[in-house]
Amino acid sequence: MPDPSRRKRWRDALHWQLRGWRRHLGGDRAEWEALVAWQGLAYQAFHAQPFAPRLCDDLWDRGRFRPSADLPPFYSPVRRERENSSHHYGHDIQLKRHAGLPLVGPPLPLLLEHGLKVARESSFESPKPWSKAFLCMGPLRARWVEERFGLPAVPIGPWIAYARPLLAQERLEALRAALGSTLLVVMAHSWDSVERRMDLDACWQAVEDLRRRAGYRTVLLLRHWKDPQWTLPPDWIVACNGHRSNPWFLDSMVTLMALADGLATNAFGTHLGYGLQQGLALHWIGVQAEQDLSALRPGRAEAEAIEWEERQRLSAALAAGLEAGDGSGVRRLLDPYWGFDCVRSPEALRPILRAQRLRP
């Protein structure tokens, strides 16, 4: 009897091979149209006057923007890559652009770890029949992934290193002069079935205290796309990078960081390493978030609880390092997970993306 799963894998491989050839010969109008649509949304948000860089949380789907609120978790209509999560935050776009490869072309034979995991037991995607390697940020994470799955795992440094500001240098300089010393604030947020809560009034008061103490003129609060519309001090500027399917998400993030001097947070998340990589002063907000995992199935909840516990341990170490003014110690703490010295040049990244150079 023929193996149905083997036949399915063969059909899938043929489909993507033909799709890659079509893209090479004549492009892929739907995917290029989506990139341009998102680009227009980001341009409008960051060039509006007065400055209010808020992308809506709609997503581009089959020729139009549609609300994302009622869609299933992790839904994305994007089909640039074989693995849906490779599109999150525009990671595939940042890498291909940096390496000089077509933004919409043959799919990468790689799995892109699209966020931060700090516990050995935590994982994103499992290997697929077509995947030849994982790309991770830091060397510790890469070692864990390689040991777990037996596939090469290549550390390439913080994703933000491959992003480009959405604003021209002259516009950035003019905005920096207008905003003055700016504090970018990123709070712990819920995601899909994981709910996080905190004392918001205490958070806003801590930010205002830090603002006065450190002499920041402007507060720029970055909302996660699923955060509620909070009641905030009237002179704060609210930003949002839009839905995770936004291919220019990290370009939006690096633009905000180019306007900021400091980063304040109560969450041990990707933004911490991004801020350090971009040269921002880090500040810890000592208002702890509580996490509710009751909506997850038992096995997944246990894994997320382990991840959360390790993040809490690292948060305490980070807060202590920042309090002591130990900048080199903070960098050593974060480096295993973000890999600040692992950023690749275009020439070094190109063969990695083509799965031609996966071992040192």
Protein backbone atom coordinates (compact mmCIF):
# COMPACT_ATOMS: atom_id res chain seq x y z
CA MET A 1 0.00 0.00 0.00
CA PRO A 2 1.32 3.47 -0.85
CA ASP A 3 2.12 5.62 2.18
CA PRO A 4 -0.42 8.53 2.18
CA SER A 5 1.85 10.76 4.28
CA ARG A 6 4.75 10.19 1.91
CA ARG A 7 2.54 11.03 -1.08
CA LYS A 8 1.37 14.20 0.68
CA ARG A 9 4.97 15.27 1.37
CA TRP A 10 5.86 14.65 -2.28
CA ARG A 11 2.92 16.76 -3.50
CA ASP A 12 3.81 19.53 -1.06
CA ALA A 13 7.45 19.55 -2.20
CA LEU A 14 6.39 19.67 -5.85
CA HIS A 15 3.93 22.48 -5.16
CA TRP A 16 6.61 24.67 -3.56
CA GLN A 17 9.18 23.82 -6.22
CA LEU A 18 6.76 24.91 -8.96
CA ARG A 19 5.85 28.00 -6.96
CA GLY A 20 9.51 28.92 -6.67
CA TRP A 21 10.00 28.56 -10.43
CA ARG A 22 6.94 30.71 -11.14
CA ARG A 23 8.26 33.39 -8.82
CA HIS A 24 11.63 33.30 -10.54
CA LEU A 25 10.02 33.68 -13.97
CA GLY A 26 7.18 36.09 -13.33
CA GLY A 27 6.91 36.94 -9.64
CA ASP A 28 3.98 36.32 -7.31
CA ARG A 29 1.53 39.19 -7.64
CA ALA A 30 -0.50 38.41 -4.53
CA GLU A 31 2.53 38.33 -2.21
CA TRP A 32 4.11 41.45 -3.74
CA GLU A 33 0.78 43.24 -3.45
CA ALA A 34 0.64 42.34 0.24
CA LEU A 35 4.14 43.72 0.84
CA VAL A 36 3.22 47.01 -0.82
CA ALA A 37 -0.10 47.27 1.05
CA TRP A 38 1.61 46.79 4.41
CA GLN A 39 4.33 49.24 3.39
CA GLY A 40 1.70 51.89 2.69
CA LEU A 41 0.08 51.30 6.08
CA ALA A 42 3.43 51.69 7.86
CA TYR A 43 4.37 54.78 5.84
CA GLN A 44 1.09 56.49 6.73
CA ALA A 45 1.48 55.69 10.45
CA PHE A 46 5.03 56.98 10.76
CA HIS A 47 4.62 60.09 8.61
CA ALA A 48 1.37 61.35 10.18
CA GLN A 49 1.34 64.73 11.91
CA PRO A 50 1.25 65.08 14.84
CA PHE A 51 3.54 62.10 15.36
CA ALA A 52 1.40 59.08 16.29
CA PRO A 53 2.97 55.88 14.88
CA ARG A 54 0.05 53.53 15.40
CA LEU A 55 -0.56 50.77 12.86
CA CYS A 56 -3.99 49.19 13.18
CA ASP A 57 -4.21 45.48 14.02
CA ASP A 58 -5.95 44.53 10.76
CA LEU A 59 -4.12 42.19 8.40
CA TRP A 60 -3.93 41.97 4.62
CA ASP A 61 -5.83 38.95 3.33
CA ARG A 62 -6.75 38.21 -0.30
CA GLY A 63 -6.60 41.75 -1.59
CA ARG A 64 -7.94 43.72 1.37
CA PHE A 65 -7.35 44.56 5.00
CA ARG A 66 -9.62 42.69 7.42
CA PRO A 67 -10.04 42.79 11.22
CA SER A 68 -7.86 40.30 13.08
CA ALA A 69 -9.79 40.17 16.37
CA ASP A 70 -11.92 37.12 15.55
CA LEU A 71 -9.33 35.09 13.65
CA PRO A 72 -7.79 31.88 15.09
CA PRO A 73 -4.51 32.19 17.04
CA PHE A 74 -1.44 32.50 14.82
CA TYR A 75 -3.56 32.78 11.69
CA SER A 76 -1.73 34.36 8.79
CA PRO A 77 -2.67 34.51 5.11
CA VAL A 78 0.97 34.98 4.06
CA ARG A 79 2.47 32.33 1.78
CA ARG A 80 6.00 33.56 1.09
CA GLU A 81 7.50 30.64 3.06
CA ARG A 82 6.49 27.05 3.72
CA GLU A 83 6.39 27.52 7.51
CA ASN A 84 3.82 30.11 8.59
CA SER A 85 5.78 31.27 11.64
CA SER A 86 8.72 32.30 9.44
CA HIS A 87 6.58 35.30 8.43
CA HIS A 88 6.05 36.56 11.99
CA TYR A 89 7.30 40.14 12.44
CA GLY A 90 8.76 40.06 8.91
CA HIS A 91 11.77 37.93 9.86
CA ASP A 92 12.01 36.32 6.43
CA ILE A 93 11.88 39.73 4.75
CA GLN A 94 14.60 41.23 6.96
CA LEU A 95 16.99 38.36 6.27
CA LYS A 96 16.41 38.11 2.51
CA ARG A 97 16.73 41.87 2.09
CA HIS A 98 19.98 41.90 4.09
CA ALA A 99 21.40 39.03 2.03
CA GLY A 100 20.34 40.53 -1.30
CA LEU A 101 17.88 37.73 -2.12
CA PRO A 102 14.42 38.21 -3.70
CA LEU A 103 11.87 39.11 -1.04
CA VAL A 104 9.37 36.79 -2.75
CA GLY A 105 11.25 33.89 -4.26
CA PRO A 106 11.98 30.20 -3.68
CA PRO A 107 11.12 29.35 -0.07
CA LEU A 108 13.94 29.14 2.46
CA PRO A 109 14.78 25.54 3.49
CA LEU A 110 15.05 26.75 7.09
CA LEU A 111 12.95 27.23 10.21
CA LEU A 112 13.21 30.73 11.70
CA GLU A 113 12.77 30.90 15.46
CA HIS A 114 10.57 33.96 15.64
CA GLY A 115 11.02 35.02 19.26
CA LEU A 116 12.73 34.41 22.58
CA LYS A 117 12.83 31.17 24.57
CA VAL A 118 15.00 31.00 27.69
CA ALA A 119 14.24 27.50 29.01
CA ARG A 120 15.84 24.42 27.50
CA GLU A 121 12.46 22.66 27.42
CA SER A 122 10.73 25.43 25.46
CA SER A 123 10.26 25.18 21.72
CA PHE A 124 8.71 26.86 18.73
CA GLU A 125 8.41 24.61 15.67
CA SER A 126 9.60 21.03 15.22
CA PRO A 127 11.65 19.97 12.17
CA LYS A 128 9.79 19.44 8.92
CA PRO A 129 10.79 16.96 6.18
CA TRP A 130 12.11 19.85 4.07
CA SER A 131 13.86 21.84 6.83
CA LYS A 132 17.66 21.65 6.79
CA ALA A 133 18.40 23.89 9.79
CA PHE A 134 17.08 26.32 12.37
CA LEU A 135 18.03 29.97 12.63
CA CYS A 136 18.16 31.28 16.20
CA MET A 137 19.30 34.51 17.81
CA GLY A 138 21.73 33.38 20.50
CA PRO A 139 24.35 30.63 20.77
CA LEU A 140 22.87 28.99 23.88
CA ARG A 141 19.48 28.65 22.26
CA ALA A 142 21.10 27.31 19.07
CA ARG A 143 22.97 24.66 21.07
CA TRP A 144 19.79 23.54 22.85
CA VAL A 145 17.87 23.28 19.56
CA GLU A 146 20.65 21.32 17.87
CA GLU A 147 20.92 18.91 20.80
CA ARG A 148 17.16 18.39 20.86
CA PHE A 149 16.47 17.90 17.16
CA GLY A 150 19.79 16.83 15.65
CA LEU A 151 19.63 19.49 12.95
CA PRO A 152 22.09 22.37 12.54
CA ALA A 153 20.97 25.47 14.45
CA VAL A 154 22.73 28.67 13.39
CA PRO A 155 22.89 31.71 15.71
CA ILE A 156 22.54 34.94 13.74
CA GLY A 157 22.12 37.53 16.49
CA PRO A 158 19.18 39.82 17.35
CA TRP A 159 16.55 40.02 14.62
CA ILE A 160 16.49 43.80 15.01
CA ALA A 161 20.03 43.97 13.59
CA TYR A 162 18.59 43.22 10.15
CA ALA A 163 15.83 45.86 10.28
CA ARG A 164 15.95 49.30 8.64
CA PRO A 165 14.23 52.51 9.81
CA LEU A 166 11.09 53.49 7.94
CA LEU A 167 12.07 57.17 8.06
CA ALA A 168 14.82 58.96 6.16
CA GLN A 169 17.75 60.12 8.26
CA GLU A 170 16.71 63.80 7.96
CA ARG A 171 13.21 62.96 9.22
CA LEU A 172 14.62 60.90 12.10
CA GLU A 173 16.88 63.76 13.17
CA ALA A 174 14.05 66.28 12.98
CA LEU A 175 11.78 64.05 15.08
CA ARG A 176 14.51 63.40 17.63
CA ALA A 177 15.00 67.15 18.02
CA ALA A 178 11.25 67.68 18.42
CA LEU A 179 10.75 64.82 20.90
CA GLY A 180 13.83 65.46 23.01
CA SER A 181 15.13 62.77 25.32
CA THR A 182 12.67 59.90 24.81
CA LEU A 183 11.79 56.84 26.89
CA LEU A 184 10.34 53.86 24.99
CA VAL A 185 8.08 51.77 27.24
CA VAL A 186 7.21 48.11 26.52
CA MET A 187 5.03 46.30 29.04
CA ALA A 188 4.34 42.61 29.59
CA HIS A 189 1.46 41.59 27.33
CA SER A 190 -0.93 38.71 26.79
CA TRP A 191 -0.59 36.56 23.69
CA ASP A 192 -3.19 34.25 22.26
CA SER A 193 -4.25 31.88 25.08
CA VAL A 194 -1.72 33.15 27.63
CA GLU A 195 -3.11 36.01 29.72
CA ARG A 196 -0.93 38.41 31.70
CA ARG A 197 -2.18 40.97 34.21
CA MET A 198 -0.52 43.67 36.28
CA ASP A 199 -1.28 46.78 38.29
CA LEU A 200 -1.38 49.29 35.43
CA ASP A 201 -1.67 52.34 37.67
CA ALA A 202 1.50 51.26 39.46
CA CYS A 203 3.21 50.75 36.09
CA TRP A 204 2.30 54.22 34.83
CA GLN A 205 3.41 55.79 38.10
CA ALA A 206 6.74 53.94 37.93
CA VAL A 207 7.26 55.24 34.39
CA GLU A 208 6.46 58.81 35.45
CA ASP A 209 8.87 58.51 38.42
CA LEU A 210 11.60 57.23 36.10
CA ARG A 211 10.85 59.98 33.61
CA ARG A 212 11.41 62.69 36.22
CA ARG A 213 14.40 60.98 37.81
CA ALA A 214 16.26 60.35 34.54
CA GLY A 215 15.20 63.54 32.79
CA TYR A 216 13.22 62.09 29.87
CA ARG A 217 11.05 64.66 28.10
CA THR A 218 8.89 62.26 26.07
CA VAL A 219 7.29 58.89 26.87
CA LEU A 220 6.63 56.64 23.87
CA LEU A 221 4.49 53.64 24.86
CA LEU A 222 4.55 50.67 22.48
CA ARG A 223 1.28 48.70 22.54
CA HIS A 224 1.15 45.07 21.56
CA TRP A 225 -1.45 44.66 18.84
CA LYS A 226 -3.80 42.74 21.17
CA ASP A 227 -3.49 45.13 24.14
CA PRO A 228 -6.62 47.05 25.18
CA GLN A 229 -6.86 50.81 24.74
CA TRP A 230 -5.44 51.97 28.07
CA THR A 231 -6.14 55.25 29.86
CA LEU A 232 -2.74 56.96 29.91
CA PRO A 233 -1.19 60.29 30.89
CA PRO A 234 -2.31 62.74 28.20
CA ASP A 235 1.17 63.72 27.00
CA TRP A 236 2.35 60.16 26.32
CA ILE A 237 2.65 59.10 22.68
CA VAL A 238 1.19 55.67 21.87
CA ALA A 239 2.79 53.50 19.18
CA CYS A 240 1.81 50.14 17.72
CA ASN A 241 3.69 48.06 15.14
CA GLY A 242 0.52 46.30 14.00
CA HIS A 243 -0.30 42.62 13.56
CA ARG A 244 2.50 40.05 13.70
CA SER A 245 1.92 39.41 9.97
CA ASN A 246 3.17 42.93 9.18
CA PRO A 247 6.34 42.26 7.10
CA TRP A 248 7.72 45.67 8.17
CA PHE A 249 7.06 45.05 11.89
CA LEU A 250 10.74 45.07 12.85
CA ASP A 251 11.38 48.07 10.61
CA SER A 252 8.73 49.85 12.68
CA MET A 253 10.40 48.68 15.88
CA VAL A 254 13.87 49.82 14.86
CA THR A 255 12.40 53.21 13.86
CA LEU A 256 10.96 53.67 17.35
CA MET A 257 14.27 52.67 18.89
CA ALA A 258 16.12 55.12 16.64
CA LEU A 259 13.96 57.86 18.17
CA ALA A 260 14.46 56.73 21.77
CA ASP A 261 17.27 57.12 24.29
CA GLY A 262 16.05 54.61 26.86
CA LEU A 263 13.87 51.51 27.13
CA ALA A 264 11.77 50.73 30.21
CA THR A 265 10.01 47.40 30.71
CA ASN A 266 8.71 44.87 33.23
CA ALA A 267 9.00 41.95 30.79
CA PHE A 268 11.97 39.76 29.90
CA GLY A 269 11.19 39.71 26.18
CA THR A 270 12.83 40.17 22.79
CA HIS A 271 12.70 43.97 23.11
CA LEU A 272 15.32 43.89 25.89
CA GLY A 273 18.07 42.51 23.68
CA TYR A 274 16.88 44.66 20.79
CA GLY A 275 17.21 47.76 22.95
CA LEU A 276 20.70 46.82 24.08
CA GLN A 277 21.75 46.05 20.50
CA GLN A 278 20.46 49.47 19.43
CA GLY A 279 22.35 51.27 22.20
CA LEU A 280 19.42 52.25 24.44
CA ALA A 281 19.74 52.67 28.20
CA LEU A 282 17.77 49.86 29.85
CA HIS A 283 15.45 50.45 32.83
CA TRP A 284 13.55 47.81 34.80
CA ILE A 285 9.99 48.56 35.99
CA GLY A 286 9.54 46.68 39.24
CA VAL A 287 5.82 45.91 38.83
CA GLN A 288 5.48 42.17 38.36
CA ALA A 289 3.00 40.69 35.89
CA GLU A 290 0.91 37.65 36.77
CA GLN A 291 0.39 34.91 34.20
CA ASP A 292 -2.76 32.83 33.68
CA LEU A 293 -2.25 29.56 31.75
CA SER A 294 -5.66 28.05 32.44
CA ALA A 295 -6.69 28.24 28.78
CA LEU A 296 -3.79 26.01 27.66
CA ARG A 297 -3.83 22.23 27.47
CA PRO A 298 -1.90 20.60 30.38
CA GLY A 299 1.34 19.74 28.55
CA ARG A 300 1.61 23.17 26.96
CA ALA A 301 0.77 24.89 30.25
CA GLU A 302 3.57 23.00 32.03
CA ALA A 303 6.10 24.06 29.38
CA GLU A 304 4.98 27.70 29.57
CA ALA A 305 5.19 27.62 33.38
CA ILE A 306 8.82 26.46 33.17
CA GLU A 307 9.58 29.19 30.64
CA TRP A 308 7.91 31.82 32.86
CA GLU A 309 9.85 30.69 35.93
CA GLU A 310 13.15 31.02 34.07
CA ARG A 311 12.18 34.45 32.78
CA GLN A 312 11.42 35.52 36.34
CA ARG A 313 14.87 34.35 37.45
CA LEU A 314 16.54 36.25 34.63
CA SER A 315 14.40 39.32 35.34
CA ALA A 316 15.65 39.42 38.93
CA ALA A 317 19.26 39.12 37.78
CA LEU A 318 18.72 41.85 35.19
CA ALA A 319 17.09 44.21 37.69
CA ALA A 320 20.00 43.70 40.07
CA GLY A 321 22.55 44.36 37.32
CA LEU A 322 20.79 47.53 36.21
CA GLU A 323 20.48 48.74 39.80
CA ALA A 324 24.23 48.20 40.29
CA GLY A 325 25.06 49.96 37.01
CA ASP A 326 26.83 46.82 35.78
CA GLY A 327 26.51 47.31 32.03
CA SER A 328 29.00 44.60 31.10
CA GLY A 329 27.26 42.15 33.43
CA VAL A 330 23.88 42.91 31.85
CA ARG A 331 25.33 42.26 28.41
CA ARG A 332 26.82 38.94 29.59
CA LEU A 333 23.41 37.98 31.03
CA LEU A 334 21.56 38.64 27.77
CA ASP A 335 24.16 37.54 25.23
CA PRO A 336 23.52 33.75 25.36
CA TYR A 337 19.93 34.37 24.25
CA TRP A 338 20.42 37.25 21.78
CA GLY A 339 23.93 36.58 20.43
CA PHE A 340 25.07 40.17 19.98
CA ASP A 341 28.32 39.08 18.32
CA CYS A 342 26.60 36.61 15.96
CA VAL A 343 25.17 39.16 13.50
CA ARG A 344 26.08 38.17 9.94
CA SER A 345 27.24 40.30 7.05
CA PRO A 346 25.28 40.01 3.78
CA GLU A 347 28.06 37.85 2.33
CA ALA A 348 28.00 35.51 5.33
CA LEU A 349 24.22 35.32 5.56
CA ARG A 350 23.54 34.54 1.88
CA PRO A 351 24.90 30.95 1.86
CA ILE A 352 23.24 30.28 5.22
CA LEU A 353 19.83 31.19 3.79
CA ARG A 354 20.51 28.86 0.87
CA ALA A 355 21.50 26.08 3.34
CA GLN A 356 25.00 25.96 1.84
CA ARG A 357 27.01 26.85 4.94
CA LEU A 358 25.37 25.61 8.11
CA ARG A 359 28.36 24.47 10.15
CA PRO A 360 31.29 26.60 11.38
